[in-house]
PDB file of N, CA and C in Angstrom:
ATOM      1  N   UNK A   1       0.688  -1.314  -0.195  1.00  0.00           N
ATOM      2  CA  UNK A   1      -0.060  -0.203   0.426  1.00  0.00           C
ATOM      3  C   UNK A   1       1.049   1.333  -0.061  1.00  0.00           C
ATOM      4  N   UNK A   2       0.178   2.171  -0.786  1.00  0.00           N
ATOM      5  CA  UNK A   2       1.244   3.260  -0.587  1.00  0.00           C
ATOM      6  C   UNK A   2       1.019   4.392  -0.099  1.00  0.00           C
ATOM      7  N   UNK A   3       1.550   4.904   0.680  1.00  0.00           N
ATOM      8  CA  UNK A   3       1.363   5.927   1.661  1.00  0.00           C
ATOM      9  C   UNK A   3       1.315   7.145   1.524  1.00  0.00           C
ATOM     10  N   UNK A   4       0.945   8.440   1.992  1.00  0.00           N
ATOM     11  CA  UNK A   4       0.954  10.091   1.882  1.00  0.00           C
ATOM     12  C   UNK A   4       2.212  10.369   1.609  1.00  0.00           C
ATOM     13  N   UNK A   5       3.431   9.423   2.745  1.00  0.00           N
ATOM     14  CA  UNK A   5       4.277  10.284   3.079  1.00  0.00           C
ATOM     15  C   UNK A   5       5.626   9.526   2.414  1.00  0.00           C
ATOM     16  N   UNK A   6       5.515   8.566   1.454  1.00  0.00           N
ATOM     17  CA  UNK A   6       6.401   8.484   0.941  1.00  0.00           C
ATOM     18  C   UNK A   6       6.500   8.793  -0.951  1.00  0.00           C
ATOM     19  N   UNK A   7       5.651   9.600  -0.945  1.00  0.00           N
ATOM     20  CA  UNK A   7       5.767  10.776  -2.304  1.00  0.00           C
ATOM     21  C   UNK A   7       6.207  11.641  -2.107  1.00  0.00           C
ATOM     22  N   UNK A   8       6.883  11.954  -3.474  1.00  0.00           N
ATOM     23  CA  UNK A   8       7.619  13.463  -3.490  1.00  0.00           C
ATOM     24  C   UNK A   8       7.254  13.782  -5.363  1.00  0.00           C
ATOM     25  N   UNK A   9       7.289  14.745  -4.959  1.00  0.00           N
ATOM     26  CA  UNK A   9       7.045  15.938  -6.021  1.00  0.00           C
ATOM     27  C   UNK A   9       8.356  16.219  -7.144  1.00  0.00           C
ATOM     28  N   UNK A  10       7.865  16.025  -8.191  1.00  0.00           N
ATOM     29  CA  UNK A  10       8.976  16.455  -9.070  1.00  0.00           C
ATOM     30  C   UNK A  10       9.305  17.542  -8.635  1.00  0.00           C
ATOM     31  N   UNK A  11      10.918  18.024  -9.222  1.00  0.00           N
ATOM     32  CA  UNK A  11      11.481  19.102  -8.823  1.00  0.00           C
ATOM     33  C   UNK A  11      11.337  20.184 -10.060  1.00  0.00           C
ATOM     34  N   UNK A  12      11.136  19.479 -10.952  1.00  0.00           N
ATOM     35  CA  UNK A  12      10.638  19.997 -12.668  1.00  0.00           C
ATOM     36  C   UNK A  12       8.985  20.505 -12.184  1.00  0.00           C
ATOM     37  N   UNK A  13       8.321  21.581 -12.025  1.00  0.00           N
ATOM     38  CA  UNK A  13       7.227  21.080 -11.561  1.00  0.00           C
ATOM     39  C   UNK A  13       6.496  22.224 -12.492  1.00  0.00           C
ATOM     40  N   UNK A  14       7.354  22.870 -13.169  1.00  0.00           N
ATOM     41  CA  UNK A  14       6.613  23.696 -14.650  1.00  0.00           C
ATOM     42  C   UNK A  14       6.411  24.945 -13.660  1.00  0.00           C
ATOM     43  N   UNK A  15       6.169  25.945 -14.417  1.00  0.00           N
ATOM     44  CA  UNK A  15       5.880  26.958 -14.327  1.00  0.00           C
ATOM     45  C   UNK A  15       4.457  28.106 -13.600  1.00  0.00           C
ATOM     46  N   UNK A  16       3.941  29.145 -13.200  1.00  0.00           N
ATOM     47  CA  UNK A  16       3.289  29.225 -12.192  1.00  0.00           C
ATOM     48  C   UNK A  16       2.919  28.859 -10.543  1.00  0.00           C
ATOM     49  N   UNK A  17       1.717  28.108 -11.026  1.00  0.00           N
ATOM     50  CA  UNK A  17       1.801  27.685  -9.220  1.00  0.00           C
ATOM     51  C   UNK A  17       2.845  26.433  -9.127  1.00  0.00           C
ATOM     52  N   UNK A  18       3.181  26.136 -10.490  1.00  0.00           N
ATOM     53  CA  UNK A  18       4.088  24.812  -9.756  1.00  0.00           C
ATOM     54  C   UNK A  18       3.170  22.894  -9.327  1.00  0.00           C
ATOM     55  N   UNK A  19       1.894  23.578  -9.941  1.00  0.00           N
ATOM     56  CA  UNK A  19       0.884  22.549  -9.928  1.00  0.00           C
ATOM     57  C   UNK A  19       0.910  20.865 -10.973  1.00  0.00           C
ATOM     58  N   UNK A  20       1.299  21.371 -12.383  1.00  0.00           N
ATOM     59  CA  UNK A  20       1.706  20.778 -13.274  1.00  0.00           C
ATOM     60  C   UNK A  20       2.949  19.796 -13.520  1.00  0.00           C
ATOM     61  N   UNK A  21       2.763  18.902 -12.205  1.00  0.00           N
ATOM     62  CA  UNK A  21       4.019  17.779 -12.318  1.00  0.00           C
ATOM     63  C   UNK A  21       3.203  16.256 -11.797  1.00  0.00           C
ATOM     64  N   UNK A  22       4.220  15.768 -11.594  1.00  0.00           N
ATOM     65  CA  UNK A  22       4.330  14.138 -10.971  1.00  0.00           C
ATOM     66  C   UNK A  22       4.660  14.194  -9.968  1.00  0.00           C
ATOM     67  N   UNK A  23       4.729  13.315  -9.277  1.00  0.00           N
ATOM     68  CA  UNK A  23       5.462  12.414  -7.579  1.00  0.00           C
ATOM     69  C   UNK A  23       5.324  11.371  -8.180  1.00  0.00           C
ATOM     70  N   UNK A  24       6.603  11.065  -7.181  1.00  0.00           N
ATOM     71  CA  UNK A  24       7.602   9.574  -7.684  1.00  0.00           C
ATOM     72  C   UNK A  24       7.076   9.101  -6.240  1.00  0.00           C
ATOM     73  N   UNK A  25       6.844   7.653  -5.667  1.00  0.00           N
ATOM     74  CA  UNK A  25       7.048   6.475  -4.862  1.00  0.00           C
ATOM     75  C   UNK A  25       8.612   5.819  -4.753  1.00  0.00           C
ATOM     76  N   UNK A  26       9.185   5.660  -4.256  1.00  0.00           N
ATOM     77  CA  UNK A  26      10.402   4.821  -4.393  1.00  0.00           C
ATOM     78  C   UNK A  26      10.461   3.608  -3.365  1.00  0.00           C
ATOM     79  N   UNK A  27      10.644   2.633  -4.135  1.00  0.00           N
ATOM     80  CA  UNK A  27      10.100   1.446  -3.399  1.00  0.00           C
ATOM     81  C   UNK A  27      11.313   0.832  -3.267  1.00  0.00           C
ATOM     82  N   UNK A  28      11.789  -0.772  -2.632  1.00  0.00           N
ATOM     83  CA  UNK A  28      12.784  -1.579  -3.068  1.00  0.00           C
ATOM     84  C   UNK A  28      12.715  -1.973  -4.703  1.00  0.00           C
ATOM     85  N   UNK A  29      11.784  -2.528  -5.297  1.00  0.00           N
ATOM     86  CA  UNK A  29      11.927  -3.010  -6.337  1.00  0.00           C
ATOM     87  C   UNK A  29      10.995  -2.389  -7.502  1.00  0.00           C
ATOM     88  N   UNK A  30      10.549  -1.264  -7.315  1.00  0.00           N
ATOM     89  CA  UNK A  30       9.547  -0.871  -8.432  1.00  0.00           C
ATOM     90  C   UNK A  30       9.751   1.189  -7.649  1.00  0.00           C
ATOM     91  N   UNK A  31       9.332   1.852  -8.712  1.00  0.00           N
ATOM     92  CA  UNK A  31       8.808   3.347  -8.942  1.00  0.00           C
ATOM     93  C   UNK A  31       7.813   3.299  -9.542  1.00  0.00           C
ATOM     94  N   UNK A  32       6.765   4.131  -8.342  1.00  0.00           N
ATOM     95  CA  UNK A  32       5.955   4.230  -8.704  1.00  0.00           C
ATOM     96  C   UNK A  32       5.719   5.708  -8.960  1.00  0.00           C
ATOM     97  N   UNK A  33       4.497   6.245  -9.994  1.00  0.00           N
ATOM     98  CA  UNK A  33       4.375   7.767 -10.728  1.00  0.00           C
ATOM     99  C   UNK A  33       2.780   7.936 -10.573  1.00  0.00           C
ATOM    100  N   UNK A  34       2.623   8.947 -10.198  1.00  0.00           N
ATOM    101  CA  UNK A  34       1.237   9.424 -10.279  1.00  0.00           C
ATOM    102  C   UNK A  34       1.309  10.873 -10.743  1.00  0.00           C
ATOM    103  N   UNK A  35       0.173  11.471 -11.169  1.00  0.00           N
ATOM    104  CA  UNK A  35      -0.183  12.747 -11.265  1.00  0.00           C
ATOM    105  C   UNK A  35      -0.649  13.558  -9.827  1.00  0.00           C
ATOM    106  N   UNK A  36       0.239  14.474  -9.782  1.00  0.00           N
ATOM    107  CA  UNK A  36       0.214  15.398  -8.270  1.00  0.00           C
ATOM    108  C   UNK A  36      -1.706  15.819  -8.451  1.00  0.00           C
ATOM    109  N   UNK A  37      -1.942  16.029  -9.395  1.00  0.00           N
ATOM    110  CA  UNK A  37      -3.167  17.003  -9.037  1.00  0.00           C
ATOM    111  C   UNK A  37      -4.635  15.719  -9.110  1.00  0.00           C
ATOM    112  N   UNK A  38      -3.955  14.978  -9.060  1.00  0.00           N
ATOM    113  CA  UNK A  38      -4.988  13.596  -9.339  1.00  0.00           C
ATOM    114  C   UNK A  38      -4.479  12.141  -8.791  1.00  0.00           C
ATOM    115  N   UNK A  39      -4.455  12.847  -7.330  1.00  0.00           N
ATOM    116  CA  UNK A  39      -3.208  11.490  -6.961  1.00  0.00           C
ATOM    117  C   UNK A  39      -4.322  10.351  -6.812  1.00  0.00           C
ATOM    118  N   UNK A  40      -5.256  10.324  -6.521  1.00  0.00           N
ATOM    119  CA  UNK A  40      -6.079   9.429  -6.658  1.00  0.00           C
ATOM    120  C   UNK A  40      -6.509   8.251  -7.382  1.00  0.00           C
ATOM    121  N   UNK A  41      -6.224   9.003  -8.661  1.00  0.00           N
ATOM    122  CA  UNK A  41      -6.296   8.371  -9.853  1.00  0.00           C
ATOM    123  C   UNK A  41      -5.319   7.327  -9.996  1.00  0.00           C
ATOM    124  N   UNK A  42      -4.170   6.400 -11.108  1.00  0.00           N
ATOM    125  CA  UNK A  42      -4.328   5.663 -11.771  1.00  0.00           C
ATOM    126  C   UNK A  42      -2.190   5.913 -11.129  1.00  0.00           C
ATOM    127  N   UNK A  43      -2.124   5.145 -11.377  1.00  0.00           N
ATOM    128  CA  UNK A  43      -1.022   5.085 -10.803  1.00  0.00           C
ATOM    129  C   UNK A  43       0.261   3.858 -11.506  1.00  0.00           C
ATOM    130  N   UNK A  44       1.499   4.823 -11.927  1.00  0.00           N
ATOM    131  CA  UNK A  44       2.356   3.711 -12.354  1.00  0.00           C
ATOM    132  C   UNK A  44       3.263   2.653 -12.624  1.00  0.00           C
ATOM    133  N   UNK A  45       3.596   1.496 -12.382  1.00  0.00           N
ATOM    134  CA  UNK A  45       4.841   1.712 -11.657  1.00  0.00           C
ATOM    135  C   UNK A  45       5.134   0.736 -12.652  1.00  0.00           C
ATOM    136  N   UNK A  46       7.093   0.815 -12.221  1.00  0.00           N
ATOM    137  CA  UNK A  46       7.786   0.204 -12.944  1.00  0.00           C
ATOM    138  C   UNK A  46       8.863  -0.083 -12.127  1.00  0.00           C
ATOM    139  N   UNK A  47       9.379  -1.408 -12.899  1.00  0.00           N
ATOM    140  CA  UNK A  47      10.942  -1.722 -11.703  1.00  0.00           C
ATOM    141  C   UNK A  47      11.943  -0.950 -11.782  1.00  0.00           C
ATOM    142  N   UNK A  48      12.551  -0.708 -11.086  1.00  0.00           N
ATOM    143  CA  UNK A  48      13.741   0.554 -10.707  1.00  0.00           C
ATOM    144  C   UNK A  48      14.686  -0.525 -12.140  1.00  0.00           C
ATOM    145  N   UNK A  49      14.807  -1.106 -12.589  1.00  0.00           N
ATOM    146  CA  UNK A  49      16.048  -1.739 -13.453  1.00  0.00           C
ATOM    147  C   UNK A  49      15.935  -1.473 -15.213  1.00  0.00           C
ATOM    148  N   UNK A  50      14.428  -1.296 -14.976  1.00  0.00           N
ATOM    149  CA  UNK A  50      13.967  -0.045 -16.362  1.00  0.00           C
ATOM    150  C   UNK A  50      13.515   0.915 -16.266  1.00  0.00           C
ATOM    151  N   UNK A  51      13.257   1.473 -15.389  1.00  0.00           N
ATOM    152  CA  UNK A  51      12.974   2.913 -15.183  1.00  0.00           C
ATOM    153  C   UNK A  51      13.687   3.766 -16.074  1.00  0.00           C
ATOM    154  N   UNK A  52      14.981   3.750 -16.023  1.00  0.00           N
ATOM    155  CA  UNK A  52      16.167   4.483 -16.658  1.00  0.00           C
ATOM    156  C   UNK A  52      15.549   4.400 -18.518  1.00  0.00           C
ATOM    157  N   UNK A  53      15.910   3.650 -18.681  1.00  0.00           N
ATOM    158  CA  UNK A  53      15.511   3.226 -19.581  1.00  0.00           C
ATOM    159  C   UNK A  53      13.694   3.397 -20.369  1.00  0.00           C
ATOM    160  N   UNK A  54      13.034   3.530 -19.445  1.00  0.00           N
ATOM    161  CA  UNK A  54      11.472   4.501 -19.746  1.00  0.00           C
ATOM    162  C   UNK A  54      11.430   6.065 -19.698  1.00  0.00           C
ATOM    163  N   UNK A  55      12.128   6.479 -19.159  1.00  0.00           N
ATOM    164  CA  UNK A  55      12.775   8.200 -19.319  1.00  0.00           C
ATOM    165  C   UNK A  55      13.025   8.331 -20.429  1.00  0.00           C
ATOM    166  N   UNK A  56      14.164   7.592 -20.464  1.00  0.00           N
ATOM    167  CA  UNK A  56      14.619   7.887 -21.853  1.00  0.00           C
ATOM    168  C   UNK A  56      13.466   8.309 -23.241  1.00  0.00           C
ATOM    169  N   UNK A  57      12.943   6.787 -22.924  1.00  0.00           N
ATOM    170  CA  UNK A  57      12.552   6.608 -24.232  1.00  0.00           C
ATOM    171  C   UNK A  57      10.857   7.490 -24.308  1.00  0.00           C
ATOM    172  N   UNK A  58      10.490   8.004 -23.090  1.00  0.00           N
ATOM    173  CA  UNK A  58       9.911   8.605 -23.039  1.00  0.00           C
ATOM    174  C   UNK A  58      10.515  10.406 -23.439  1.00  0.00           C
ATOM    175  N   UNK A  59      11.409  10.844 -23.106  1.00  0.00           N
ATOM    176  CA  UNK A  59      12.224  11.975 -23.719  1.00  0.00           C
ATOM    177  C   UNK A  59      12.283  12.002 -25.060  1.00  0.00           C
ATOM    178  N   UNK A  60      12.475  10.693 -26.284  1.00  0.00           N
ATOM    179  CA  UNK A  60      12.359  10.902 -27.404  1.00  0.00           C
ATOM    180  C   UNK A  60      11.173  10.578 -27.848  1.00  0.00           C
ATOM    181  N   UNK A  61      10.272  10.247 -26.966  1.00  0.00           N
ATOM    182  CA  UNK A  61       8.895  10.022 -27.983  1.00  0.00           C
ATOM    183  C   UNK A  61       8.214  10.947 -28.712  1.00  0.00           C
ATOM    184  N   UNK A  62       7.651  11.021 -29.925  1.00  0.00           N
ATOM    185  CA  UNK A  62       7.142  12.286 -30.628  1.00  0.00           C
ATOM    186  C   UNK A  62       6.183  12.152 -30.120  1.00  0.00           C
ATOM    187  N   UNK A  63       5.564  13.652 -29.476  1.00  0.00           N
ATOM    188  CA  UNK A  63       4.600  14.332 -28.854  1.00  0.00           C
ATOM    189  C   UNK A  63       3.224  13.680 -29.844  1.00  0.00           C
ATOM    190  N   UNK A  64       1.851  13.469 -29.255  1.00  0.00           N
ATOM    191  CA  UNK A  64       1.132  13.567 -30.056  1.00  0.00           C
ATOM    192  C   UNK A  64       0.068  14.274 -29.542  1.00  0.00           C
ATOM    193  N   UNK A  65      -0.796  15.223 -30.657  1.00  0.00           N
ATOM    194  CA  UNK A  65      -2.269  15.954 -29.960  1.00  0.00           C
ATOM    195  C   UNK A  65      -3.131  15.185 -30.367  1.00  0.00           C
TER     196      UNK A  65
END
């Protein structure tokens, strides 16, 4: 179970109010990610060994509109 005190807001929170960001929870075997504006909605959980490749893939993926 994920508790409120285990989540950390991204340091890249965007401009303005700083509310356009994600939060992460570091676990022993995985990293969980959620939208800070909707913390009770879907959570993405990724094994720690594939987290860095996952982030790199996001950086290079074309944006869809």
